[in-house]
Amino acid sequence: MADSKKFAVILSGCGVFDGAEIHEATLSLYAIVKNGGEYEIFAPDIDQHHVINHLNGEEMKEKRNVLIESARIARGKIRSLNELNAKEFDGLLFPGGFGAAKNLSDWAFNGPDGDVILGVKKAIIDAVEANKVIGALCISPVLVASVLKGVDLTIGSDESTAKGVEQAGANHKITSHGEIVIDHNYKVVTTPCYMLDATIVQIGEGAENVVKAMLGLMG
């Protein structure tokens, strides 16, 4: 559709403990198309911080690439993050998963004293400067908190993470399943997803609520 809104979805690998959370990513893509939008998927062409065995939670002695792993979710249709021009899209969307805090940033290790990778920082700043909309699920709002000072957002109700995003300069709002927080100044929409003990249905509801709010802000 010529008039459909375009989302750039930024992934951080494939798998909750070392990459993008697959349910959040997939249900976000579904929500975008279901509500009349279209998407293109991006990921940084970098090594993962580490690789986790999702069966037992143990670290594995191997290396994996964030772009190649993200291509599993994208079914191969994906581009490197350095090719992203945020101004060509109506919005950016970041699914959660520990990859956001390990690969797209070093939040998992340094918290609010850490930083996000250059490509993510540039995408967020470019989107705001071009009056685009940003959506972030689960732990990925920490990326936004690290870049946009004073932004209103949510990661749910986890006390330590909420304290961290406030130390980073964000304003945290406590939320429950499917609830969203909208910052109308920066045009940022966030929801907690698996930062809470959630079902896959609740993940789908959260993802769709974010997408619908983003579409509303896009006008």
N, C-alpha and C. Protein backbone atom coordinates (compact mmCIF):
# COMPACT_ATOMS: atom_id res chain seq x y z
N MET A 1 0.84 -1.20 0.00
CA MET A 1 0.00 0.00 0.00
C MET A 1 0.87 1.24 0.00
N ALA A 2 0.58 2.14 -0.90
CA ALA A 2 1.43 3.32 -1.06
C ALA A 2 1.40 4.22 0.17
N ASP A 3 0.26 4.24 0.86
CA ASP A 3 0.13 5.15 1.99
C ASP A 3 0.35 4.46 3.34
N SER A 4 0.80 3.21 3.33
CA SER A 4 1.00 2.50 4.58
C SER A 4 2.24 3.03 5.29
N LYS A 5 2.21 3.00 6.61
CA LYS A 5 3.32 3.51 7.41
C LYS A 5 4.44 2.47 7.46
N LYS A 6 5.66 2.97 7.41
CA LYS A 6 6.84 2.11 7.34
C LYS A 6 7.57 2.07 8.67
N PHE A 7 7.78 0.87 9.18
CA PHE A 7 8.50 0.65 10.43
C PHE A 7 9.87 0.05 10.14
N ALA A 8 10.88 0.58 10.79
CA ALA A 8 12.19 -0.07 10.81
C ALA A 8 12.29 -0.83 12.13
N VAL A 9 12.37 -2.15 12.06
CA VAL A 9 12.45 -2.98 13.25
C VAL A 9 13.91 -3.38 13.46
N ILE A 10 14.44 -3.06 14.62
CA ILE A 10 15.85 -3.30 14.90
C ILE A 10 16.00 -4.47 15.87
N LEU A 11 16.66 -5.53 15.40
CA LEU A 11 16.85 -6.73 16.19
C LEU A 11 18.26 -6.79 16.78
N SER A 12 18.43 -7.68 17.77
CA SER A 12 19.71 -7.76 18.48
C SER A 12 20.24 -9.20 18.55
N GLY A 13 19.80 -10.02 17.61
CA GLY A 13 20.16 -11.43 17.62
C GLY A 13 18.92 -12.29 17.61
N CYS A 14 19.03 -13.52 18.10
CA CYS A 14 17.90 -14.45 18.06
C CYS A 14 17.89 -15.31 19.31
N GLY A 15 17.06 -14.94 20.27
CA GLY A 15 16.95 -15.70 21.50
C GLY A 15 17.00 -14.80 22.71
N VAL A 16 16.14 -15.03 23.66
CA VAL A 16 15.92 -14.10 24.77
C VAL A 16 17.19 -13.81 25.58
N PHE A 17 18.05 -14.79 25.80
CA PHE A 17 19.16 -14.60 26.74
C PHE A 17 20.40 -13.97 26.12
N ASP A 18 20.49 -13.98 24.79
CA ASP A 18 21.66 -13.37 24.16
C ASP A 18 21.34 -12.58 22.90
N GLY A 19 20.05 -12.42 22.60
CA GLY A 19 19.65 -11.71 21.39
C GLY A 19 18.26 -11.10 21.53
N ALA A 20 17.55 -11.02 20.43
CA ALA A 20 16.19 -10.49 20.45
C ALA A 20 15.22 -11.55 20.96
N GLU A 21 14.23 -11.13 21.73
CA GLU A 21 13.19 -12.03 22.23
C GLU A 21 12.28 -12.39 21.05
N ILE A 22 12.21 -13.66 20.73
CA ILE A 22 11.57 -14.08 19.48
C ILE A 22 10.07 -13.81 19.48
N HIS A 23 9.39 -14.06 20.59
CA HIS A 23 7.95 -13.80 20.64
C HIS A 23 7.67 -12.31 20.45
N GLU A 24 8.42 -11.46 21.14
CA GLU A 24 8.21 -10.02 21.02
C GLU A 24 8.50 -9.53 19.61
N ALA A 25 9.57 -10.05 19.01
CA ALA A 25 9.91 -9.63 17.64
C ALA A 25 8.83 -10.07 16.66
N THR A 26 8.46 -11.35 16.71
CA THR A 26 7.50 -11.88 15.76
C THR A 26 6.13 -11.25 15.91
N LEU A 27 5.67 -11.09 17.14
CA LEU A 27 4.35 -10.51 17.36
C LEU A 27 4.33 -9.02 17.04
N SER A 28 5.46 -8.34 17.13
CA SER A 28 5.54 -6.95 16.70
C SER A 28 5.39 -6.86 15.18
N LEU A 29 6.08 -7.74 14.46
CA LEU A 29 5.97 -7.76 13.00
C LEU A 29 4.53 -8.06 12.59
N TYR A 30 3.91 -9.01 13.27
CA TYR A 30 2.51 -9.36 13.00
C TYR A 30 1.60 -8.16 13.23
N ALA A 31 1.80 -7.48 14.36
CA ALA A 31 0.95 -6.34 14.70
C ALA A 31 1.09 -5.21 13.68
N ILE A 32 2.31 -5.01 13.18
CA ILE A 32 2.53 -3.95 12.19
C ILE A 32 1.70 -4.21 10.94
N VAL A 33 1.81 -5.42 10.41
CA VAL A 33 1.10 -5.74 9.16
C VAL A 33 -0.40 -5.83 9.41
N LYS A 34 -0.80 -6.41 10.53
CA LYS A 34 -2.23 -6.54 10.86
C LYS A 34 -2.92 -5.18 10.90
N ASN A 35 -2.17 -4.17 11.34
CA ASN A 35 -2.76 -2.83 11.47
C ASN A 35 -2.44 -1.91 10.30
N GLY A 36 -2.06 -2.51 9.17
CA GLY A 36 -1.94 -1.76 7.93
C GLY A 36 -0.57 -1.18 7.64
N GLY A 37 0.42 -1.52 8.46
CA GLY A 37 1.76 -1.01 8.22
C GLY A 37 2.62 -1.99 7.44
N GLU A 38 3.86 -1.59 7.22
CA GLU A 38 4.84 -2.48 6.61
C GLU A 38 6.16 -2.29 7.36
N TYR A 39 7.05 -3.26 7.22
CA TYR A 39 8.29 -3.19 8.00
C TYR A 39 9.49 -3.61 7.18
N GLU A 40 10.63 -3.13 7.63
CA GLU A 40 11.93 -3.62 7.16
C GLU A 40 12.76 -3.89 8.40
N ILE A 41 13.56 -4.95 8.37
CA ILE A 41 14.29 -5.38 9.55
C ILE A 41 15.77 -5.08 9.41
N PHE A 42 16.36 -4.61 10.50
CA PHE A 42 17.78 -4.27 10.54
C PHE A 42 18.42 -4.88 11.79
N ALA A 43 19.72 -5.08 11.74
CA ALA A 43 20.50 -5.50 12.91
C ALA A 43 21.95 -5.12 12.67
N PRO A 44 22.70 -4.87 13.73
CA PRO A 44 24.12 -4.53 13.56
C PRO A 44 24.94 -5.73 13.14
N ASP A 45 25.91 -5.50 12.27
CA ASP A 45 26.80 -6.55 11.79
C ASP A 45 28.00 -6.63 12.72
N ILE A 46 27.77 -7.19 13.92
CA ILE A 46 28.78 -7.28 14.96
C ILE A 46 28.69 -8.64 15.64
N ASP A 47 29.73 -9.01 16.38
CA ASP A 47 29.67 -10.24 17.18
C ASP A 47 28.75 -10.03 18.38
N GLN A 48 28.03 -11.10 18.75
CA GLN A 48 27.29 -11.07 20.00
C GLN A 48 28.26 -10.96 21.17
N HIS A 49 27.78 -10.42 22.29
CA HIS A 49 28.63 -10.38 23.48
C HIS A 49 29.05 -11.79 23.88
N HIS A 50 28.10 -12.72 23.87
CA HIS A 50 28.36 -14.12 24.13
C HIS A 50 27.18 -14.94 23.61
N VAL A 51 27.31 -16.24 23.66
CA VAL A 51 26.26 -17.14 23.20
C VAL A 51 25.78 -17.98 24.38
N ILE A 52 24.48 -18.03 24.58
CA ILE A 52 23.88 -18.77 25.69
C ILE A 52 23.16 -20.01 25.18
N ASN A 53 23.36 -21.12 25.85
CA ASN A 53 22.58 -22.33 25.60
C ASN A 53 21.22 -22.12 26.25
N HIS A 54 20.19 -21.97 25.43
CA HIS A 54 18.86 -21.66 25.96
C HIS A 54 18.19 -22.86 26.64
N LEU A 55 18.81 -24.03 26.54
CA LEU A 55 18.27 -25.20 27.22
C LEU A 55 18.66 -25.22 28.69
N ASN A 56 19.90 -24.80 28.98
CA ASN A 56 20.35 -24.86 30.38
C ASN A 56 20.85 -23.52 30.93
N GLY A 57 20.87 -22.48 30.09
CA GLY A 57 21.26 -21.16 30.55
C GLY A 57 22.76 -20.93 30.66
N GLU A 58 23.56 -21.90 30.23
CA GLU A 58 25.00 -21.79 30.35
C GLU A 58 25.62 -21.13 29.12
N GLU A 59 26.72 -20.41 29.36
CA GLU A 59 27.44 -19.78 28.25
C GLU A 59 28.16 -20.83 27.43
N MET A 60 28.16 -20.64 26.11
CA MET A 60 28.81 -21.58 25.21
C MET A 60 30.11 -21.00 24.66
N LYS A 61 31.03 -21.86 24.35
CA LYS A 61 32.33 -21.41 23.83
C LYS A 61 32.28 -21.31 22.32
N GLU A 62 31.57 -20.33 21.82
CA GLU A 62 31.49 -20.08 20.39
C GLU A 62 31.12 -18.63 20.15
N LYS A 63 31.30 -18.17 18.93
CA LYS A 63 30.95 -16.81 18.56
C LYS A 63 29.82 -16.84 17.54
N ARG A 64 28.93 -15.86 17.65
CA ARG A 64 27.87 -15.70 16.66
C ARG A 64 27.73 -14.22 16.31
N ASN A 65 27.24 -13.98 15.12
CA ASN A 65 27.09 -12.62 14.60
C ASN A 65 25.64 -12.15 14.77
N VAL A 66 25.46 -10.94 15.25
CA VAL A 66 24.12 -10.42 15.55
C VAL A 66 23.25 -10.34 14.29
N LEU A 67 23.83 -9.89 13.19
CA LEU A 67 23.07 -9.77 11.95
C LEU A 67 22.66 -11.14 11.42
N ILE A 68 23.59 -12.09 11.43
CA ILE A 68 23.30 -13.43 10.93
C ILE A 68 22.25 -14.12 11.80
N GLU A 69 22.36 -13.96 13.12
CA GLU A 69 21.39 -14.58 14.01
C GLU A 69 20.01 -13.92 13.85
N SER A 70 19.98 -12.59 13.71
CA SER A 70 18.71 -11.88 13.51
C SER A 70 18.04 -12.30 12.22
N ALA A 71 18.84 -12.69 11.23
CA ALA A 71 18.29 -13.13 9.95
C ALA A 71 17.42 -14.37 10.10
N ARG A 72 17.60 -15.12 11.20
CA ARG A 72 16.73 -16.27 11.46
C ARG A 72 15.28 -15.80 11.64
N ILE A 73 15.11 -14.73 12.41
CA ILE A 73 13.77 -14.19 12.65
C ILE A 73 13.23 -13.51 11.39
N ALA A 74 14.13 -12.85 10.67
CA ALA A 74 13.73 -12.09 9.47
C ALA A 74 13.56 -12.98 8.24
N ARG A 75 13.82 -14.27 8.39
CA ARG A 75 13.75 -15.22 7.26
C ARG A 75 14.68 -14.77 6.14
N GLY A 76 15.81 -14.19 6.53
CA GLY A 76 16.83 -13.78 5.58
C GLY A 76 16.65 -12.41 4.99
N LYS A 77 15.48 -11.81 5.18
CA LYS A 77 15.22 -10.49 4.59
C LYS A 77 15.56 -9.42 5.63
N ILE A 78 16.82 -9.01 5.63
CA ILE A 78 17.32 -8.11 6.66
C ILE A 78 18.51 -7.34 6.10
N ARG A 79 18.73 -6.15 6.66
CA ARG A 79 19.89 -5.35 6.25
C ARG A 79 20.70 -4.94 7.47
N SER A 80 21.96 -4.62 7.23
CA SER A 80 22.83 -4.16 8.30
C SER A 80 22.33 -2.83 8.84
N LEU A 81 22.48 -2.63 10.14
CA LEU A 81 22.02 -1.40 10.78
C LEU A 81 22.68 -0.17 10.19
N ASN A 82 23.91 -0.30 9.70
CA ASN A 82 24.58 0.88 9.15
C ASN A 82 23.97 1.35 7.83
N GLU A 83 23.03 0.56 7.29
CA GLU A 83 22.31 0.97 6.09
C GLU A 83 20.99 1.66 6.41
N LEU A 84 20.64 1.73 7.69
CA LEU A 84 19.37 2.33 8.08
C LEU A 84 19.43 3.86 8.01
N ASN A 85 18.47 4.44 7.31
CA ASN A 85 18.26 5.88 7.32
C ASN A 85 16.90 6.11 7.98
N ALA A 86 16.91 6.50 9.24
CA ALA A 86 15.67 6.62 10.00
C ALA A 86 14.68 7.58 9.35
N LYS A 87 15.18 8.52 8.60
CA LYS A 87 14.32 9.53 7.97
C LYS A 87 13.46 8.93 6.86
N GLU A 88 13.83 7.73 6.40
CA GLU A 88 13.07 7.08 5.33
C GLU A 88 11.89 6.26 5.88
N PHE A 89 11.79 6.20 7.21
CA PHE A 89 10.73 5.42 7.86
C PHE A 89 9.86 6.33 8.71
N ASP A 90 8.67 5.83 9.02
CA ASP A 90 7.77 6.59 9.90
C ASP A 90 8.06 6.32 11.37
N GLY A 91 8.72 5.19 11.64
CA GLY A 91 9.03 4.89 13.03
C GLY A 91 10.06 3.78 13.17
N LEU A 92 10.67 3.72 14.34
CA LEU A 92 11.59 2.66 14.71
C LEU A 92 10.94 1.81 15.79
N LEU A 93 11.19 0.50 15.76
CA LEU A 93 10.65 -0.36 16.80
C LEU A 93 11.75 -1.32 17.28
N PHE A 94 11.94 -1.34 18.60
CA PHE A 94 12.94 -2.21 19.22
C PHE A 94 12.24 -3.29 20.05
N PRO A 95 12.22 -4.55 19.60
CA PRO A 95 11.77 -5.63 20.50
C PRO A 95 12.78 -5.79 21.63
N GLY A 96 12.39 -6.54 22.66
CA GLY A 96 13.27 -6.73 23.80
C GLY A 96 14.17 -7.94 23.65
N GLY A 97 14.50 -8.55 24.77
CA GLY A 97 15.49 -9.61 24.81
C GLY A 97 16.80 -9.06 25.35
N PHE A 98 17.59 -9.91 25.96
CA PHE A 98 18.86 -9.47 26.57
C PHE A 98 19.83 -8.91 25.54
N GLY A 99 19.61 -9.22 24.26
CA GLY A 99 20.48 -8.66 23.23
C GLY A 99 20.46 -7.14 23.21
N ALA A 100 19.33 -6.55 23.60
CA ALA A 100 19.27 -5.09 23.66
C ALA A 100 20.22 -4.54 24.71
N ALA A 101 20.41 -5.31 25.78
CA ALA A 101 21.26 -4.87 26.89
C ALA A 101 22.68 -5.44 26.81
N LYS A 102 22.92 -6.37 25.86
CA LYS A 102 24.25 -6.97 25.73
C LYS A 102 24.90 -6.66 24.39
N ASN A 103 24.10 -6.54 23.33
CA ASN A 103 24.64 -6.34 21.99
C ASN A 103 24.40 -4.94 21.44
N LEU A 104 23.21 -4.39 21.69
CA LEU A 104 22.91 -3.03 21.24
C LEU A 104 23.41 -1.99 22.23
N SER A 105 23.75 -2.44 23.43
CA SER A 105 24.28 -1.57 24.47
C SER A 105 25.06 -2.42 25.45
N ASP A 106 25.64 -1.79 26.46
CA ASP A 106 26.30 -2.54 27.53
C ASP A 106 25.56 -2.37 28.85
N TRP A 107 24.25 -2.13 28.76
CA TRP A 107 23.44 -1.91 29.95
C TRP A 107 23.50 -3.09 30.92
N ALA A 108 23.55 -4.30 30.40
CA ALA A 108 23.57 -5.50 31.25
C ALA A 108 24.78 -5.52 32.17
N PHE A 109 25.83 -4.83 31.77
CA PHE A 109 27.08 -4.85 32.54
C PHE A 109 27.36 -3.54 33.26
N ASN A 110 26.95 -2.42 32.67
CA ASN A 110 27.28 -1.11 33.24
C ASN A 110 26.06 -0.27 33.61
N GLY A 111 24.86 -0.79 33.34
CA GLY A 111 23.64 -0.06 33.70
C GLY A 111 23.62 1.35 33.14
N PRO A 112 23.13 2.31 33.92
CA PRO A 112 22.99 3.68 33.44
C PRO A 112 24.33 4.37 33.17
N ASP A 113 25.43 3.78 33.62
CA ASP A 113 26.76 4.35 33.35
C ASP A 113 27.31 3.88 32.01
N GLY A 114 26.60 2.98 31.35
CA GLY A 114 27.06 2.45 30.08
C GLY A 114 26.61 3.29 28.90
N ASP A 115 26.65 2.67 27.73
CA ASP A 115 26.32 3.40 26.51
C ASP A 115 25.68 2.44 25.51
N VAL A 116 25.09 3.00 24.48
CA VAL A 116 24.54 2.21 23.39
C VAL A 116 25.49 2.27 22.21
N ILE A 117 25.41 1.29 21.32
CA ILE A 117 26.30 1.29 20.16
C ILE A 117 25.95 2.46 19.24
N LEU A 118 26.92 2.87 18.46
CA LEU A 118 26.78 4.08 17.65
C LEU A 118 25.58 4.01 16.70
N GLY A 119 25.38 2.85 16.06
CA GLY A 119 24.29 2.74 15.09
C GLY A 119 22.92 2.93 15.71
N VAL A 120 22.73 2.41 16.91
CA VAL A 120 21.46 2.58 17.62
C VAL A 120 21.29 4.02 18.08
N LYS A 121 22.34 4.58 18.62
CA LYS A 121 22.28 5.98 19.06
C LYS A 121 21.92 6.90 17.90
N LYS A 122 22.57 6.70 16.76
CA LYS A 122 22.30 7.52 15.57
C LYS A 122 20.86 7.35 15.10
N ALA A 123 20.37 6.10 15.10
CA ALA A 123 19.00 5.84 14.64
C ALA A 123 17.99 6.57 15.53
N ILE A 124 18.19 6.52 16.84
CA ILE A 124 17.27 7.18 17.78
C ILE A 124 17.31 8.69 17.62
N ILE A 125 18.50 9.26 17.56
CA ILE A 125 18.64 10.71 17.42
C ILE A 125 18.08 11.18 16.08
N ASP A 126 18.40 10.46 15.01
CA ASP A 126 17.88 10.84 13.69
C ASP A 126 16.36 10.77 13.65
N ALA A 127 15.79 9.75 14.29
CA ALA A 127 14.33 9.62 14.31
C ALA A 127 13.69 10.80 15.03
N VAL A 128 14.23 11.18 16.16
CA VAL A 128 13.67 12.30 16.92
C VAL A 128 13.81 13.60 16.13
N GLU A 129 14.97 13.82 15.55
CA GLU A 129 15.19 15.05 14.79
C GLU A 129 14.28 15.15 13.57
N ALA A 130 13.90 14.00 13.02
CA ALA A 130 13.01 13.97 11.85
C ALA A 130 11.54 13.84 12.25
N ASN A 131 11.24 13.94 13.55
CA ASN A 131 9.87 13.87 14.06
C ASN A 131 9.21 12.52 13.79
N LYS A 132 10.01 11.45 13.87
CA LYS A 132 9.50 10.10 13.70
C LYS A 132 9.10 9.52 15.06
N VAL A 133 8.52 8.33 15.04
CA VAL A 133 8.02 7.69 16.26
C VAL A 133 8.93 6.51 16.63
N ILE A 134 9.13 6.29 17.93
CA ILE A 134 9.96 5.20 18.41
C ILE A 134 9.15 4.31 19.34
N GLY A 135 9.22 3.01 19.14
CA GLY A 135 8.58 2.05 20.03
C GLY A 135 9.63 1.13 20.63
N ALA A 136 9.47 0.77 21.90
CA ALA A 136 10.44 -0.10 22.57
C ALA A 136 9.72 -1.02 23.54
N LEU A 137 10.04 -2.32 23.48
CA LEU A 137 9.40 -3.34 24.29
C LEU A 137 10.38 -3.91 25.30
N CYS A 138 9.84 -4.35 26.45
CA CYS A 138 10.59 -5.13 27.41
C CYS A 138 11.76 -4.33 27.98
N ILE A 139 13.00 -4.81 27.82
CA ILE A 139 14.18 -4.14 28.34
C ILE A 139 14.71 -3.08 27.37
N SER A 140 14.26 -3.09 26.13
CA SER A 140 14.83 -2.16 25.14
C SER A 140 14.58 -0.68 25.44
N PRO A 141 13.59 -0.29 26.26
CA PRO A 141 13.50 1.13 26.62
C PRO A 141 14.77 1.70 27.27
N VAL A 142 15.64 0.82 27.80
CA VAL A 142 16.90 1.34 28.36
C VAL A 142 17.75 1.99 27.28
N LEU A 143 17.59 1.55 26.03
CA LEU A 143 18.31 2.18 24.93
C LEU A 143 17.86 3.62 24.77
N VAL A 144 16.56 3.81 24.83
CA VAL A 144 15.98 5.15 24.70
C VAL A 144 16.37 6.02 25.88
N ALA A 145 16.33 5.44 27.08
CA ALA A 145 16.69 6.18 28.29
C ALA A 145 18.12 6.68 28.24
N SER A 146 18.99 5.91 27.60
CA SER A 146 20.40 6.27 27.52
C SER A 146 20.67 7.40 26.53
N VAL A 147 19.73 7.60 25.61
CA VAL A 147 19.96 8.59 24.54
C VAL A 147 19.11 9.84 24.71
N LEU A 148 17.85 9.68 25.15
CA LEU A 148 16.92 10.80 25.23
C LEU A 148 16.68 11.19 26.69
N LYS A 149 17.30 12.23 27.12
CA LYS A 149 17.18 12.65 28.51
C LYS A 149 15.78 13.21 28.80
N GLY A 150 15.21 12.77 29.92
CA GLY A 150 13.90 13.26 30.32
C GLY A 150 12.73 12.56 29.67
N VAL A 151 12.98 11.48 28.96
CA VAL A 151 11.90 10.77 28.27
C VAL A 151 11.05 9.99 29.27
N ASP A 152 9.74 9.96 29.04
CA ASP A 152 8.82 9.14 29.83
C ASP A 152 8.77 7.75 29.23
N LEU A 153 8.93 6.72 30.05
CA LEU A 153 8.89 5.35 29.54
C LEU A 153 8.59 4.36 30.65
N THR A 154 8.48 3.08 30.26
CA THR A 154 8.24 2.02 31.24
C THR A 154 9.04 0.77 30.90
N ILE A 155 9.47 0.06 31.93
CA ILE A 155 9.99 -1.29 31.77
C ILE A 155 9.15 -2.23 32.64
N GLY A 156 7.99 -1.73 33.10
CA GLY A 156 7.09 -2.53 33.93
C GLY A 156 7.15 -2.12 35.37
N SER A 157 7.60 -3.04 36.25
CA SER A 157 7.61 -2.73 37.67
C SER A 157 8.88 -3.24 38.37
N ASP A 158 9.89 -3.67 37.60
CA ASP A 158 11.13 -4.14 38.21
C ASP A 158 11.87 -2.96 38.84
N GLU A 159 12.01 -3.03 40.16
CA GLU A 159 12.51 -1.87 40.91
C GLU A 159 13.93 -1.47 40.53
N SER A 160 14.82 -2.43 40.40
CA SER A 160 16.22 -2.10 40.13
C SER A 160 16.39 -1.51 38.73
N THR A 161 15.70 -2.08 37.73
CA THR A 161 15.80 -1.56 36.37
C THR A 161 15.15 -0.19 36.27
N ALA A 162 14.02 -0.01 36.94
CA ALA A 162 13.35 1.29 36.96
C ALA A 162 14.27 2.36 37.57
N LYS A 163 14.94 2.00 38.64
CA LYS A 163 15.88 2.92 39.26
C LYS A 163 17.01 3.27 38.30
N GLY A 164 17.47 2.28 37.55
CA GLY A 164 18.53 2.51 36.60
C GLY A 164 18.15 3.47 35.49
N VAL A 165 16.94 3.30 34.93
CA VAL A 165 16.54 4.20 33.85
C VAL A 165 16.33 5.62 34.37
N GLU A 166 15.93 5.75 35.62
CA GLU A 166 15.80 7.09 36.19
C GLU A 166 17.18 7.71 36.43
N GLN A 167 18.14 6.88 36.83
CA GLN A 167 19.51 7.39 36.97
C GLN A 167 20.08 7.82 35.63
N ALA A 168 19.61 7.18 34.56
CA ALA A 168 20.05 7.56 33.21
C ALA A 168 19.40 8.86 32.75
N GLY A 169 18.39 9.32 33.48
CA GLY A 169 17.75 10.59 33.15
C GLY A 169 16.34 10.47 32.62
N ALA A 170 15.79 9.25 32.60
CA ALA A 170 14.43 9.05 32.13
C ALA A 170 13.44 9.13 33.28
N ASN A 171 12.16 9.27 32.94
CA ASN A 171 11.08 9.27 33.92
C ASN A 171 10.32 7.96 33.79
N HIS A 172 10.47 7.09 34.81
CA HIS A 172 9.86 5.77 34.72
C HIS A 172 8.44 5.76 35.26
N LYS A 173 7.55 5.06 34.54
CA LYS A 173 6.16 4.88 34.95
C LYS A 173 5.90 3.39 35.16
N ILE A 174 5.33 3.03 36.28
CA ILE A 174 5.02 1.62 36.57
C ILE A 174 3.81 1.19 35.73
N THR A 175 3.94 0.03 35.08
CA THR A 175 2.85 -0.49 34.26
C THR A 175 2.70 -1.99 34.46
N SER A 176 1.56 -2.51 34.00
CA SER A 176 1.29 -3.93 34.04
C SER A 176 1.10 -4.44 32.61
N HIS A 177 0.60 -5.65 32.49
CA HIS A 177 0.50 -6.33 31.20
C HIS A 177 -0.27 -5.52 30.16
N GLY A 178 0.34 -5.34 29.01
CA GLY A 178 -0.34 -4.68 27.89
C GLY A 178 -0.41 -3.17 27.99
N GLU A 179 -0.06 -2.62 29.13
CA GLU A 179 -0.13 -1.17 29.29
C GLU A 179 1.05 -0.50 28.59
N ILE A 180 0.81 0.70 28.12
CA ILE A 180 1.86 1.45 27.42
C ILE A 180 2.05 2.81 28.07
N VAL A 181 3.21 3.37 27.85
CA VAL A 181 3.50 4.75 28.24
C VAL A 181 3.89 5.50 26.98
N ILE A 182 3.27 6.67 26.78
CA ILE A 182 3.56 7.48 25.60
C ILE A 182 4.23 8.78 26.03
N ASP A 183 5.39 9.06 25.46
CA ASP A 183 6.02 10.36 25.63
C ASP A 183 5.70 11.17 24.37
N HIS A 184 4.82 12.15 24.52
CA HIS A 184 4.36 12.92 23.37
C HIS A 184 5.41 13.91 22.87
N ASN A 185 6.34 14.26 23.73
CA ASN A 185 7.40 15.19 23.31
C ASN A 185 8.36 14.50 22.34
N TYR A 186 8.89 13.37 22.74
CA TYR A 186 9.82 12.62 21.89
C TYR A 186 9.12 11.67 20.93
N LYS A 187 7.81 11.43 21.12
CA LYS A 187 7.05 10.45 20.35
C LYS A 187 7.62 9.04 20.57
N VAL A 188 7.67 8.64 21.83
CA VAL A 188 8.18 7.33 22.22
C VAL A 188 7.07 6.54 22.90
N VAL A 189 6.91 5.27 22.52
CA VAL A 189 5.90 4.39 23.10
C VAL A 189 6.60 3.15 23.66
N THR A 190 6.32 2.81 24.92
CA THR A 190 6.98 1.66 25.55
C THR A 190 5.97 0.78 26.28
N THR A 191 6.33 -0.49 26.45
CA THR A 191 5.50 -1.46 27.18
C THR A 191 6.41 -2.52 27.79
N PRO A 192 6.02 -3.17 28.91
CA PRO A 192 6.95 -4.06 29.61
C PRO A 192 7.14 -5.46 29.03
N CYS A 193 6.11 -6.04 28.40
CA CYS A 193 6.22 -7.40 27.85
C CYS A 193 6.86 -8.36 28.86
N TYR A 194 7.95 -9.05 28.48
CA TYR A 194 8.53 -10.08 29.34
C TYR A 194 9.38 -9.53 30.49
N MET A 195 9.38 -8.22 30.71
CA MET A 195 9.92 -7.70 31.97
C MET A 195 8.98 -8.08 33.11
N LEU A 196 7.76 -8.48 32.75
CA LEU A 196 6.81 -9.05 33.70
C LEU A 196 6.69 -10.55 33.41
N ASP A 197 6.14 -11.29 34.34
CA ASP A 197 5.87 -12.71 34.13
C ASP A 197 4.64 -12.82 33.24
N ALA A 198 4.85 -12.90 31.93
CA ALA A 198 3.76 -12.75 30.98
C ALA A 198 3.50 -14.01 30.18
N THR A 199 2.29 -14.11 29.64
CA THR A 199 1.94 -15.16 28.69
C THR A 199 2.17 -14.63 27.28
N ILE A 200 2.20 -15.53 26.32
CA ILE A 200 2.39 -15.09 24.94
C ILE A 200 1.22 -14.24 24.45
N VAL A 201 0.03 -14.47 24.99
CA VAL A 201 -1.12 -13.63 24.64
C VAL A 201 -0.90 -12.21 25.13
N GLN A 202 -0.39 -12.07 26.35
CA GLN A 202 -0.11 -10.73 26.89
C GLN A 202 1.00 -10.05 26.11
N ILE A 203 1.96 -10.81 25.61
CA ILE A 203 3.01 -10.23 24.77
C ILE A 203 2.40 -9.68 23.49
N GLY A 204 1.51 -10.46 22.89
CA GLY A 204 0.86 -10.00 21.67
C GLY A 204 0.04 -8.76 21.89
N GLU A 205 -0.64 -8.69 23.02
CA GLU A 205 -1.45 -7.50 23.33
C GLU A 205 -0.55 -6.28 23.52
N GLY A 206 0.56 -6.47 24.22
CA GLY A 206 1.47 -5.36 24.43
C GLY A 206 2.07 -4.86 23.13
N ALA A 207 2.49 -5.79 22.28
CA ALA A 207 3.08 -5.41 20.99
C ALA A 207 2.07 -4.66 20.13
N GLU A 208 0.84 -5.16 20.11
CA GLU A 208 -0.17 -4.50 19.28
C GLU A 208 -0.53 -3.13 19.84
N ASN A 209 -0.59 -2.99 21.15
CA ASN A 209 -0.89 -1.68 21.74
C ASN A 209 0.20 -0.67 21.41
N VAL A 210 1.45 -1.12 21.40
CA VAL A 210 2.54 -0.22 21.02
C VAL A 210 2.41 0.19 19.56
N VAL A 211 2.17 -0.78 18.69
CA VAL A 211 2.07 -0.48 17.26
C VAL A 211 0.90 0.46 16.97
N LYS A 212 -0.25 0.19 17.60
CA LYS A 212 -1.41 1.07 17.37
C LYS A 212 -1.13 2.49 17.86
N ALA A 213 -0.48 2.61 19.03
CA ALA A 213 -0.15 3.95 19.53
C ALA A 213 0.85 4.65 18.62
N MET A 214 1.81 3.89 18.09
CA MET A 214 2.78 4.46 17.16
C MET A 214 2.10 4.97 15.90
N LEU A 215 1.17 4.17 15.38
CA LEU A 215 0.43 4.59 14.18
C LEU A 215 -0.37 5.86 14.46
N GLY A 216 -0.94 5.95 15.66
CA GLY A 216 -1.68 7.14 16.03
C GLY A 216 -0.80 8.38 16.07
N LEU A 217 0.42 8.22 16.57
CA LEU A 217 1.36 9.34 16.63
C LEU A 217 1.90 9.71 15.24
N MET A 218 1.91 8.72 14.35
CA MET A 218 2.36 8.99 12.99
C MET A 218 1.35 9.85 12.23
N GLY A 219 0.08 9.76 12.61
CA GLY A 219 -0.96 10.59 11.99
C GLY A 219 -1.40 10.03 10.64
